């Protein structure tokens, strides 16, 4: 397993599906994972420290894990079968390991909230094309009213829908 970090998030215009891009920590290899809109919104909100009045599902998961006296030791993206990505949450409670099957998108959103490392199977990582990297501005969502870090659901949806392929790079799978 290779440690990865969330590098970028964008929309694949061909499939109209969101893509979270994991990058090898201290390396160049990437793992693009196509994810749903709710998970994309949750990941973006956490990455940009945006808060909602009520907790999202991944915030609830964080609270449950902590409330049960467990800790998230790591997240692993283990394989892809029939275009389906598989992941695991590796928890520890009272010195005992508990592994929980998870969609990678949910696991990533939870890992970001609990500052847990994310790992991917080495076989899943790909070398990126020699495309120009996007600028930080192209990946940062606008803020509501220009100052606040809280976006309305509609503003966040609009931001995600207007990301371009250049905002997350091209991949050969």
N, C-alpha and C. Protein backbone atom coordinates (compact mmCIF):
# COMPACT_ATOMS: atom_id res chain seq x y z
N UNK A 1 0.84 -1.18 0.00
CA UNK A 1 0.00 0.00 0.00
C UNK A 1 0.89 1.25 0.00
N UNK A 2 0.45 2.24 -0.76
CA UNK A 2 1.18 3.50 -0.89
C UNK A 2 0.31 4.62 -0.32
N UNK A 3 0.90 5.47 0.52
CA UNK A 3 0.13 6.58 1.08
C UNK A 3 -0.15 7.61 -0.02
N UNK A 4 -1.40 8.08 -0.04
CA UNK A 4 -1.84 9.07 -1.02
C UNK A 4 -2.54 10.21 -0.29
N UNK A 5 -2.68 11.33 -0.99
CA UNK A 5 -3.40 12.48 -0.47
C UNK A 5 -4.41 12.92 -1.51
N UNK A 6 -5.45 13.61 -1.07
CA UNK A 6 -6.42 14.16 -2.02
C UNK A 6 -5.74 15.32 -2.72
N UNK A 7 -5.64 15.22 -4.02
CA UNK A 7 -4.95 16.23 -4.81
C UNK A 7 -5.93 17.21 -5.45
N UNK A 8 -6.95 16.67 -6.11
CA UNK A 8 -7.88 17.51 -6.85
C UNK A 8 -9.26 16.87 -6.87
N UNK A 9 -10.23 17.67 -7.28
CA UNK A 9 -11.59 17.20 -7.45
C UNK A 9 -12.15 17.91 -8.66
N UNK A 10 -12.85 17.21 -9.52
CA UNK A 10 -13.43 17.83 -10.70
C UNK A 10 -14.54 16.98 -11.27
N UNK A 11 -14.99 17.36 -12.47
CA UNK A 11 -16.05 16.63 -13.12
C UNK A 11 -15.55 16.08 -14.44
N UNK A 12 -15.86 14.82 -14.70
CA UNK A 12 -15.55 14.19 -15.97
C UNK A 12 -16.67 14.56 -16.93
N UNK A 13 -16.39 15.39 -17.94
CA UNK A 13 -17.45 15.85 -18.83
C UNK A 13 -18.05 14.72 -19.67
N UNK A 14 -17.29 13.66 -19.91
CA UNK A 14 -17.80 12.55 -20.69
C UNK A 14 -18.91 11.79 -19.98
N UNK A 15 -18.72 11.55 -18.69
CA UNK A 15 -19.70 10.77 -17.93
C UNK A 15 -20.56 11.65 -17.02
N UNK A 16 -20.24 12.95 -16.95
CA UNK A 16 -20.93 13.87 -16.04
C UNK A 16 -20.88 13.35 -14.60
N UNK A 17 -19.73 12.78 -14.24
CA UNK A 17 -19.52 12.23 -12.92
C UNK A 17 -18.33 12.94 -12.29
N UNK A 18 -18.38 13.14 -10.99
CA UNK A 18 -17.29 13.78 -10.27
C UNK A 18 -16.12 12.81 -10.12
N UNK A 19 -14.92 13.38 -10.08
CA UNK A 19 -13.70 12.59 -9.95
C UNK A 19 -12.87 13.18 -8.83
N UNK A 20 -12.51 12.35 -7.86
CA UNK A 20 -11.54 12.77 -6.84
C UNK A 20 -10.22 12.14 -7.26
N UNK A 21 -9.17 12.95 -7.22
CA UNK A 21 -7.85 12.49 -7.65
C UNK A 21 -6.96 12.37 -6.42
N UNK A 22 -6.51 11.15 -6.18
CA UNK A 22 -5.57 10.91 -5.10
C UNK A 22 -4.18 10.89 -5.71
N UNK A 23 -3.21 11.48 -5.02
CA UNK A 23 -1.84 11.52 -5.51
C UNK A 23 -0.92 10.88 -4.50
N UNK A 24 0.01 10.11 -5.01
CA UNK A 24 1.02 9.48 -4.18
C UNK A 24 1.70 10.55 -3.33
N UNK A 25 1.76 10.33 -2.03
CA UNK A 25 2.41 11.29 -1.15
C UNK A 25 3.89 11.35 -1.53
N UNK A 26 4.39 12.57 -1.75
CA UNK A 26 5.77 12.78 -2.17
C UNK A 26 6.10 12.07 -3.48
N UNK A 27 5.09 11.96 -4.36
CA UNK A 27 5.31 11.31 -5.65
C UNK A 27 4.39 11.88 -6.72
N UNK A 28 4.43 11.29 -7.89
CA UNK A 28 3.66 11.79 -9.02
C UNK A 28 2.48 10.92 -9.40
N UNK A 29 2.50 9.65 -9.03
CA UNK A 29 1.45 8.75 -9.49
C UNK A 29 0.10 9.15 -8.91
N UNK A 30 -0.95 8.86 -9.68
CA UNK A 30 -2.30 9.30 -9.33
C UNK A 30 -3.28 8.14 -9.33
N UNK A 31 -4.37 8.35 -8.63
CA UNK A 31 -5.50 7.42 -8.66
C UNK A 31 -6.78 8.25 -8.78
N UNK A 32 -7.36 8.30 -9.99
CA UNK A 32 -8.65 8.99 -10.13
C UNK A 32 -9.78 8.03 -9.78
N UNK A 33 -10.74 8.51 -8.98
CA UNK A 33 -11.89 7.70 -8.59
C UNK A 33 -13.15 8.49 -8.90
N UNK A 34 -14.03 7.89 -9.70
CA UNK A 34 -15.29 8.54 -10.04
C UNK A 34 -16.26 8.35 -8.88
N UNK A 35 -16.85 9.46 -8.44
CA UNK A 35 -17.67 9.44 -7.22
C UNK A 35 -18.99 10.18 -7.46
N UNK A 36 -19.90 10.06 -6.52
CA UNK A 36 -21.20 10.73 -6.60
C UNK A 36 -21.14 12.17 -6.12
N UNK A 37 -22.19 12.91 -6.45
CA UNK A 37 -22.26 14.33 -6.07
C UNK A 37 -22.25 14.55 -4.56
N UNK A 38 -23.02 13.80 -3.77
CA UNK A 38 -22.99 14.06 -2.32
C UNK A 38 -21.61 13.86 -1.71
N UNK A 39 -20.89 12.84 -2.18
CA UNK A 39 -19.55 12.59 -1.66
C UNK A 39 -18.59 13.68 -2.11
N UNK A 40 -18.73 14.13 -3.37
CA UNK A 40 -17.89 15.22 -3.87
C UNK A 40 -18.11 16.49 -3.05
N UNK A 41 -19.36 16.80 -2.77
CA UNK A 41 -19.67 17.98 -1.96
C UNK A 41 -19.07 17.85 -0.57
N UNK A 42 -19.18 16.67 0.02
CA UNK A 42 -18.67 16.44 1.36
C UNK A 42 -17.14 16.59 1.41
N UNK A 43 -16.46 16.05 0.40
CA UNK A 43 -15.01 16.15 0.34
C UNK A 43 -14.58 17.61 0.15
N UNK A 44 -15.23 18.32 -0.77
CA UNK A 44 -14.89 19.73 -1.00
C UNK A 44 -15.13 20.56 0.25
N UNK A 45 -16.25 20.31 0.91
CA UNK A 45 -16.56 21.08 2.11
C UNK A 45 -15.49 20.88 3.18
N UNK A 46 -15.02 19.65 3.35
CA UNK A 46 -14.00 19.39 4.36
C UNK A 46 -12.65 19.98 3.95
N UNK A 47 -12.30 19.85 2.67
CA UNK A 47 -11.03 20.36 2.18
C UNK A 47 -10.93 21.88 2.34
N UNK A 48 -12.07 22.55 2.24
CA UNK A 48 -12.07 24.01 2.33
C UNK A 48 -12.64 24.51 3.65
N UNK A 49 -12.76 23.59 4.62
CA UNK A 49 -13.18 23.95 5.97
C UNK A 49 -14.52 24.69 5.99
N UNK A 50 -15.44 24.26 5.14
CA UNK A 50 -16.78 24.86 5.10
C UNK A 50 -17.68 24.07 6.04
N UNK A 51 -18.57 24.76 6.69
CA UNK A 51 -19.46 24.13 7.66
C UNK A 51 -20.91 24.31 7.25
N UNK A 52 -21.72 23.36 7.59
CA UNK A 52 -23.17 23.43 7.42
C UNK A 52 -23.79 23.56 8.81
N UNK A 53 -25.02 24.06 8.84
CA UNK A 53 -25.71 24.22 10.11
C UNK A 53 -25.93 22.86 10.79
N UNK A 54 -26.17 21.83 9.99
CA UNK A 54 -26.41 20.49 10.51
C UNK A 54 -25.34 19.55 9.97
N UNK A 55 -24.98 18.51 10.72
CA UNK A 55 -23.91 17.61 10.28
C UNK A 55 -24.32 16.80 9.04
N UNK A 56 -23.36 16.62 8.14
CA UNK A 56 -23.54 15.73 7.00
C UNK A 56 -23.30 14.29 7.47
N UNK A 57 -23.61 13.34 6.63
CA UNK A 57 -23.46 11.93 6.98
C UNK A 57 -22.03 11.61 7.42
N UNK A 58 -21.04 12.19 6.73
CA UNK A 58 -19.65 11.89 7.09
C UNK A 58 -19.26 12.52 8.42
N UNK A 59 -19.89 13.65 8.75
CA UNK A 59 -19.69 14.25 10.08
C UNK A 59 -20.28 13.33 11.15
N UNK A 60 -21.44 12.75 10.85
CA UNK A 60 -22.08 11.82 11.76
C UNK A 60 -21.19 10.60 11.98
N UNK A 61 -20.61 10.08 10.91
CA UNK A 61 -19.70 8.93 11.03
C UNK A 61 -18.52 9.27 11.95
N UNK A 62 -17.98 10.46 11.80
CA UNK A 62 -16.88 10.90 12.66
C UNK A 62 -17.32 10.89 14.12
N UNK A 63 -18.50 11.41 14.38
CA UNK A 63 -19.03 11.47 15.75
C UNK A 63 -19.28 10.07 16.30
N UNK A 64 -19.79 9.18 15.48
CA UNK A 64 -20.05 7.80 15.92
C UNK A 64 -18.73 7.10 16.27
N UNK A 65 -17.74 7.23 15.40
CA UNK A 65 -16.44 6.59 15.65
C UNK A 65 -15.86 7.09 16.97
N UNK A 66 -15.85 8.39 17.17
CA UNK A 66 -15.31 8.96 18.40
C UNK A 66 -16.17 8.57 19.60
N UNK A 67 -17.49 8.60 19.43
CA UNK A 67 -18.41 8.27 20.52
C UNK A 67 -18.28 6.84 21.00
N UNK A 68 -17.88 5.95 20.11
CA UNK A 68 -17.69 4.55 20.48
C UNK A 68 -16.29 4.28 21.05
N UNK A 69 -15.50 5.35 21.15
CA UNK A 69 -14.16 5.19 21.70
C UNK A 69 -13.18 4.56 20.73
N UNK A 70 -13.47 4.65 19.45
CA UNK A 70 -12.59 4.08 18.43
C UNK A 70 -11.79 5.20 17.78
N UNK A 71 -10.78 4.81 17.01
CA UNK A 71 -10.02 5.77 16.21
C UNK A 71 -9.85 5.18 14.81
N UNK A 72 -9.84 6.07 13.84
CA UNK A 72 -9.61 5.65 12.45
C UNK A 72 -8.11 5.67 12.22
N UNK A 73 -7.53 4.50 12.08
CA UNK A 73 -6.08 4.38 11.92
C UNK A 73 -5.65 4.68 10.49
N UNK A 74 -6.48 4.25 9.52
CA UNK A 74 -6.15 4.47 8.12
C UNK A 74 -7.33 4.08 7.25
N UNK A 75 -7.29 4.56 6.03
CA UNK A 75 -8.24 4.18 4.99
C UNK A 75 -7.43 3.52 3.89
N UNK A 76 -7.96 2.46 3.31
CA UNK A 76 -7.27 1.79 2.21
C UNK A 76 -8.20 1.67 1.01
N UNK A 77 -7.68 2.04 -0.16
CA UNK A 77 -8.36 1.80 -1.41
C UNK A 77 -7.69 0.54 -1.96
N UNK A 78 -8.43 -0.56 -1.99
CA UNK A 78 -7.79 -1.86 -2.18
C UNK A 78 -7.80 -2.39 -3.61
N UNK A 79 -8.88 -2.13 -4.35
CA UNK A 79 -8.96 -2.72 -5.69
C UNK A 79 -10.09 -2.09 -6.50
N UNK A 80 -10.08 -2.44 -7.79
CA UNK A 80 -11.18 -2.09 -8.70
C UNK A 80 -11.60 -3.37 -9.39
N UNK A 81 -12.89 -3.65 -9.33
CA UNK A 81 -13.45 -4.82 -10.02
C UNK A 81 -14.69 -4.38 -10.77
N UNK A 82 -14.73 -4.67 -12.07
CA UNK A 82 -15.89 -4.29 -12.89
C UNK A 82 -16.24 -2.81 -12.74
N UNK A 83 -15.22 -1.97 -12.78
CA UNK A 83 -15.37 -0.51 -12.65
C UNK A 83 -15.92 -0.07 -11.30
N UNK A 84 -15.84 -0.93 -10.30
CA UNK A 84 -16.26 -0.59 -8.95
C UNK A 84 -15.03 -0.55 -8.05
N UNK A 85 -14.83 0.56 -7.37
CA UNK A 85 -13.71 0.73 -6.46
C UNK A 85 -14.10 0.20 -5.08
N UNK A 86 -13.13 -0.39 -4.39
CA UNK A 86 -13.36 -0.94 -3.06
C UNK A 86 -12.41 -0.29 -2.07
N UNK A 87 -12.93 -0.02 -0.89
CA UNK A 87 -12.12 0.58 0.16
C UNK A 87 -12.45 -0.02 1.51
N UNK A 88 -11.63 0.34 2.48
CA UNK A 88 -11.82 -0.15 3.85
C UNK A 88 -11.48 0.95 4.84
N UNK A 89 -12.23 0.98 5.91
CA UNK A 89 -11.89 1.81 7.07
C UNK A 89 -11.20 0.88 8.07
N UNK A 90 -10.03 1.27 8.54
CA UNK A 90 -9.31 0.47 9.54
C UNK A 90 -9.42 1.20 10.87
N UNK A 91 -10.29 0.69 11.72
CA UNK A 91 -10.54 1.29 13.02
C UNK A 91 -9.81 0.50 14.10
N UNK A 92 -9.60 1.17 15.23
CA UNK A 92 -9.07 0.49 16.40
C UNK A 92 -9.90 0.92 17.60
N UNK A 93 -10.29 -0.08 18.37
CA UNK A 93 -11.06 0.20 19.58
C UNK A 93 -10.61 -0.78 20.67
N UNK A 94 -10.24 -0.23 21.81
CA UNK A 94 -9.77 -1.05 22.93
C UNK A 94 -8.66 -2.01 22.51
N UNK A 95 -7.76 -1.52 21.65
CA UNK A 95 -6.62 -2.32 21.21
C UNK A 95 -6.96 -3.37 20.16
N UNK A 96 -8.19 -3.42 19.71
CA UNK A 96 -8.60 -4.41 18.71
C UNK A 96 -8.85 -3.72 17.37
N UNK A 97 -8.36 -4.35 16.31
CA UNK A 97 -8.55 -3.82 14.96
C UNK A 97 -9.92 -4.24 14.43
N UNK A 98 -10.58 -3.29 13.79
CA UNK A 98 -11.87 -3.55 13.15
C UNK A 98 -11.80 -2.96 11.76
N UNK A 99 -11.95 -3.80 10.74
CA UNK A 99 -11.93 -3.34 9.36
C UNK A 99 -13.36 -3.33 8.82
N UNK A 100 -13.72 -2.22 8.19
CA UNK A 100 -15.08 -2.05 7.69
C UNK A 100 -15.03 -1.76 6.20
N UNK A 101 -15.78 -2.54 5.42
CA UNK A 101 -15.90 -2.33 3.99
C UNK A 101 -16.55 -0.98 3.74
N UNK A 102 -16.04 -0.23 2.77
CA UNK A 102 -16.55 1.11 2.51
C UNK A 102 -16.35 1.48 1.05
N UNK A 103 -17.23 2.32 0.55
CA UNK A 103 -16.94 2.93 -0.75
C UNK A 103 -15.76 3.88 -0.53
N UNK A 104 -14.83 3.92 -1.45
CA UNK A 104 -13.68 4.81 -1.27
C UNK A 104 -14.08 6.27 -1.06
N UNK A 105 -15.11 6.74 -1.74
CA UNK A 105 -15.50 8.14 -1.59
C UNK A 105 -15.94 8.45 -0.17
N UNK A 106 -16.70 7.54 0.45
CA UNK A 106 -17.10 7.74 1.84
C UNK A 106 -15.89 7.64 2.76
N UNK A 107 -15.03 6.68 2.50
CA UNK A 107 -13.83 6.50 3.33
C UNK A 107 -12.95 7.74 3.27
N UNK A 108 -12.80 8.32 2.09
CA UNK A 108 -11.98 9.53 1.94
C UNK A 108 -12.59 10.69 2.72
N UNK A 109 -13.89 10.88 2.59
CA UNK A 109 -14.57 11.97 3.30
C UNK A 109 -14.42 11.82 4.81
N UNK A 110 -14.49 10.60 5.31
CA UNK A 110 -14.34 10.35 6.74
C UNK A 110 -12.88 10.54 7.17
N UNK A 111 -11.95 10.03 6.36
CA UNK A 111 -10.52 10.18 6.68
C UNK A 111 -10.14 11.65 6.78
N UNK A 112 -10.66 12.48 5.88
CA UNK A 112 -10.35 13.90 5.93
C UNK A 112 -10.84 14.52 7.23
N UNK A 113 -11.99 14.08 7.71
CA UNK A 113 -12.55 14.64 8.94
C UNK A 113 -11.78 14.19 10.18
N UNK A 114 -11.18 13.02 10.11
CA UNK A 114 -10.47 12.46 11.27
C UNK A 114 -8.95 12.53 11.11
N UNK A 115 -8.48 13.25 10.10
CA UNK A 115 -7.04 13.38 9.85
C UNK A 115 -6.33 12.03 9.80
N UNK A 116 -6.98 11.05 9.18
CA UNK A 116 -6.40 9.72 9.05
C UNK A 116 -5.71 9.59 7.69
N UNK A 117 -4.62 8.84 7.64
CA UNK A 117 -3.93 8.66 6.36
C UNK A 117 -4.75 7.79 5.41
N UNK A 118 -4.55 8.02 4.12
CA UNK A 118 -5.22 7.27 3.07
C UNK A 118 -4.15 6.51 2.29
N UNK A 119 -4.40 5.24 2.06
CA UNK A 119 -3.47 4.39 1.31
C UNK A 119 -4.19 3.77 0.13
N UNK A 120 -3.44 3.51 -0.93
CA UNK A 120 -3.99 2.86 -2.12
C UNK A 120 -3.07 1.71 -2.53
N UNK A 121 -3.68 0.68 -3.07
CA UNK A 121 -2.88 -0.43 -3.61
C UNK A 121 -2.00 0.11 -4.72
N UNK A 122 -0.75 -0.27 -4.72
CA UNK A 122 0.20 0.24 -5.70
C UNK A 122 -0.26 -0.02 -7.12
N UNK A 123 -0.92 -1.12 -7.34
CA UNK A 123 -1.38 -1.49 -8.69
C UNK A 123 -2.44 -0.54 -9.24
N UNK A 124 -3.06 0.26 -8.39
CA UNK A 124 -4.10 1.19 -8.83
C UNK A 124 -3.54 2.54 -9.28
N UNK A 125 -2.32 2.84 -8.92
CA UNK A 125 -1.74 4.15 -9.22
C UNK A 125 -1.26 4.21 -10.66
N UNK A 126 -1.49 5.35 -11.32
CA UNK A 126 -1.08 5.55 -12.71
C UNK A 126 -0.19 6.77 -12.81
N UNK A 127 0.66 6.78 -13.83
CA UNK A 127 1.53 7.93 -14.09
C UNK A 127 0.73 8.94 -14.90
N UNK A 128 0.70 10.22 -14.48
CA UNK A 128 -0.10 11.21 -15.21
C UNK A 128 0.53 11.57 -16.55
N UNK A 129 -0.34 12.07 -17.45
CA UNK A 129 0.15 12.63 -18.71
C UNK A 129 1.01 13.84 -18.40
N UNK A 130 1.76 14.32 -19.36
CA UNK A 130 2.56 15.53 -19.19
C UNK A 130 1.71 16.76 -19.43
N UNK A 131 0.57 16.84 -18.76
CA UNK A 131 -0.33 17.99 -18.88
C UNK A 131 0.06 19.03 -17.86
N UNK A 132 -0.25 20.27 -18.16
CA UNK A 132 0.03 21.35 -17.21
C UNK A 132 -0.89 21.19 -16.01
N UNK A 133 -0.33 21.37 -14.84
CA UNK A 133 -1.11 21.26 -13.62
C UNK A 133 -2.04 22.46 -13.47
N UNK A 134 -3.24 22.27 -12.92
CA UNK A 134 -4.16 23.38 -12.74
C UNK A 134 -3.66 24.34 -11.66
N UNK A 135 -4.09 25.57 -11.76
CA UNK A 135 -3.72 26.55 -10.74
C UNK A 135 -4.60 26.36 -9.51
N UNK A 136 -4.14 26.87 -8.39
CA UNK A 136 -4.92 26.76 -7.15
C UNK A 136 -6.26 27.45 -7.31
N UNK A 137 -6.30 28.57 -8.05
CA UNK A 137 -7.57 29.29 -8.20
C UNK A 137 -8.61 28.46 -8.92
N UNK A 138 -8.18 27.64 -9.89
CA UNK A 138 -9.14 26.88 -10.66
C UNK A 138 -9.78 25.77 -9.83
N UNK A 139 -9.18 25.43 -8.70
CA UNK A 139 -9.70 24.36 -7.88
C UNK A 139 -10.39 24.83 -6.61
N UNK A 140 -10.30 26.10 -6.32
CA UNK A 140 -10.90 26.61 -5.09
C UNK A 140 -12.31 27.10 -5.35
N UNK A 141 -13.26 26.67 -4.53
CA UNK A 141 -14.63 27.13 -4.73
C UNK A 141 -14.76 28.59 -4.32
N UNK A 142 -15.73 29.28 -4.91
CA UNK A 142 -15.98 30.65 -4.49
C UNK A 142 -16.55 30.64 -3.08
N UNK A 143 -16.42 31.76 -2.40
CA UNK A 143 -17.02 31.85 -1.07
C UNK A 143 -18.29 32.67 -1.15
N UNK A 144 -19.23 32.34 -0.33
CA UNK A 144 -20.49 33.07 -0.30
C UNK A 144 -20.24 34.47 0.21
N UNK A 145 -20.68 35.47 -0.53
CA UNK A 145 -20.50 36.85 -0.11
C UNK A 145 -19.07 37.31 -0.16
N UNK A 146 -18.17 36.49 -0.74
CA UNK A 146 -16.79 36.89 -0.89
C UNK A 146 -15.93 36.68 0.34
N UNK A 147 -16.50 36.57 1.52
CA UNK A 147 -15.69 36.46 2.75
C UNK A 147 -15.96 35.19 3.53
N UNK A 148 -17.21 34.80 3.64
CA UNK A 148 -17.58 33.66 4.48
C UNK A 148 -17.07 32.36 3.86
N UNK A 149 -16.79 31.36 4.70
CA UNK A 149 -16.38 30.06 4.18
C UNK A 149 -17.56 29.12 4.05
N UNK A 150 -18.78 29.61 4.23
CA UNK A 150 -19.95 28.76 4.10
C UNK A 150 -20.64 29.02 2.78
N UNK A 151 -20.84 27.95 2.00
CA UNK A 151 -21.55 28.05 0.73
C UNK A 151 -22.93 27.45 0.88
N UNK A 152 -23.86 27.97 0.12
CA UNK A 152 -25.17 27.34 0.09
C UNK A 152 -25.03 26.07 -0.74
N UNK A 153 -25.98 25.16 -0.60
CA UNK A 153 -25.94 23.93 -1.38
C UNK A 153 -25.95 24.24 -2.87
N UNK A 154 -26.71 25.24 -3.26
CA UNK A 154 -26.79 25.62 -4.68
C UNK A 154 -25.46 26.18 -5.19
N UNK A 155 -24.79 27.00 -4.38
CA UNK A 155 -23.49 27.56 -4.79
C UNK A 155 -22.45 26.46 -4.93
N UNK A 156 -22.45 25.49 -4.01
CA UNK A 156 -21.50 24.40 -4.07
C UNK A 156 -21.78 23.53 -5.30
N UNK A 157 -23.06 23.24 -5.56
CA UNK A 157 -23.43 22.45 -6.73
C UNK A 157 -22.99 23.15 -8.00
N UNK A 158 -23.22 24.46 -8.07
CA UNK A 158 -22.82 25.22 -9.26
C UNK A 158 -21.30 25.18 -9.44
N UNK A 159 -20.56 25.33 -8.36
CA UNK A 159 -19.10 25.26 -8.43
C UNK A 159 -18.65 23.91 -8.98
N UNK A 160 -19.18 22.83 -8.45
CA UNK A 160 -18.78 21.50 -8.88
C UNK A 160 -19.16 21.24 -10.33
N UNK A 161 -20.33 21.73 -10.75
CA UNK A 161 -20.79 21.50 -12.12
C UNK A 161 -19.98 22.26 -13.15
N UNK A 162 -19.31 23.34 -12.74
CA UNK A 162 -18.57 24.15 -13.70
C UNK A 162 -17.08 23.87 -13.73
N UNK A 163 -16.63 22.86 -12.99
CA UNK A 163 -15.24 22.47 -13.09
C UNK A 163 -15.00 21.90 -14.48
N UNK A 164 -13.85 22.20 -15.04
CA UNK A 164 -13.50 21.74 -16.38
C UNK A 164 -12.52 20.59 -16.30
N UNK A 165 -12.36 19.82 -17.38
CA UNK A 165 -11.39 18.72 -17.37
C UNK A 165 -9.99 19.22 -17.01
N UNK A 166 -9.65 20.43 -17.45
CA UNK A 166 -8.33 20.98 -17.15
C UNK A 166 -8.13 21.19 -15.65
N UNK A 167 -9.24 21.25 -14.92
CA UNK A 167 -9.16 21.49 -13.48
C UNK A 167 -8.66 20.26 -12.71
N UNK A 168 -8.71 19.09 -13.36
CA UNK A 168 -8.19 17.93 -12.65
C UNK A 168 -7.27 17.06 -13.49
N UNK A 169 -6.96 17.47 -14.69
CA UNK A 169 -5.97 16.77 -15.51
C UNK A 169 -6.56 15.60 -16.28
N UNK A 170 -5.77 15.05 -17.20
CA UNK A 170 -6.19 13.91 -17.99
C UNK A 170 -5.47 12.67 -17.50
N UNK A 171 -6.12 11.53 -17.65
CA UNK A 171 -5.55 10.29 -17.16
C UNK A 171 -5.66 9.21 -18.21
N UNK A 172 -4.67 8.33 -18.24
CA UNK A 172 -4.73 7.13 -19.06
C UNK A 172 -4.95 5.98 -18.10
N UNK A 173 -6.06 5.30 -18.25
CA UNK A 173 -6.34 4.17 -17.36
C UNK A 173 -6.14 2.86 -18.07
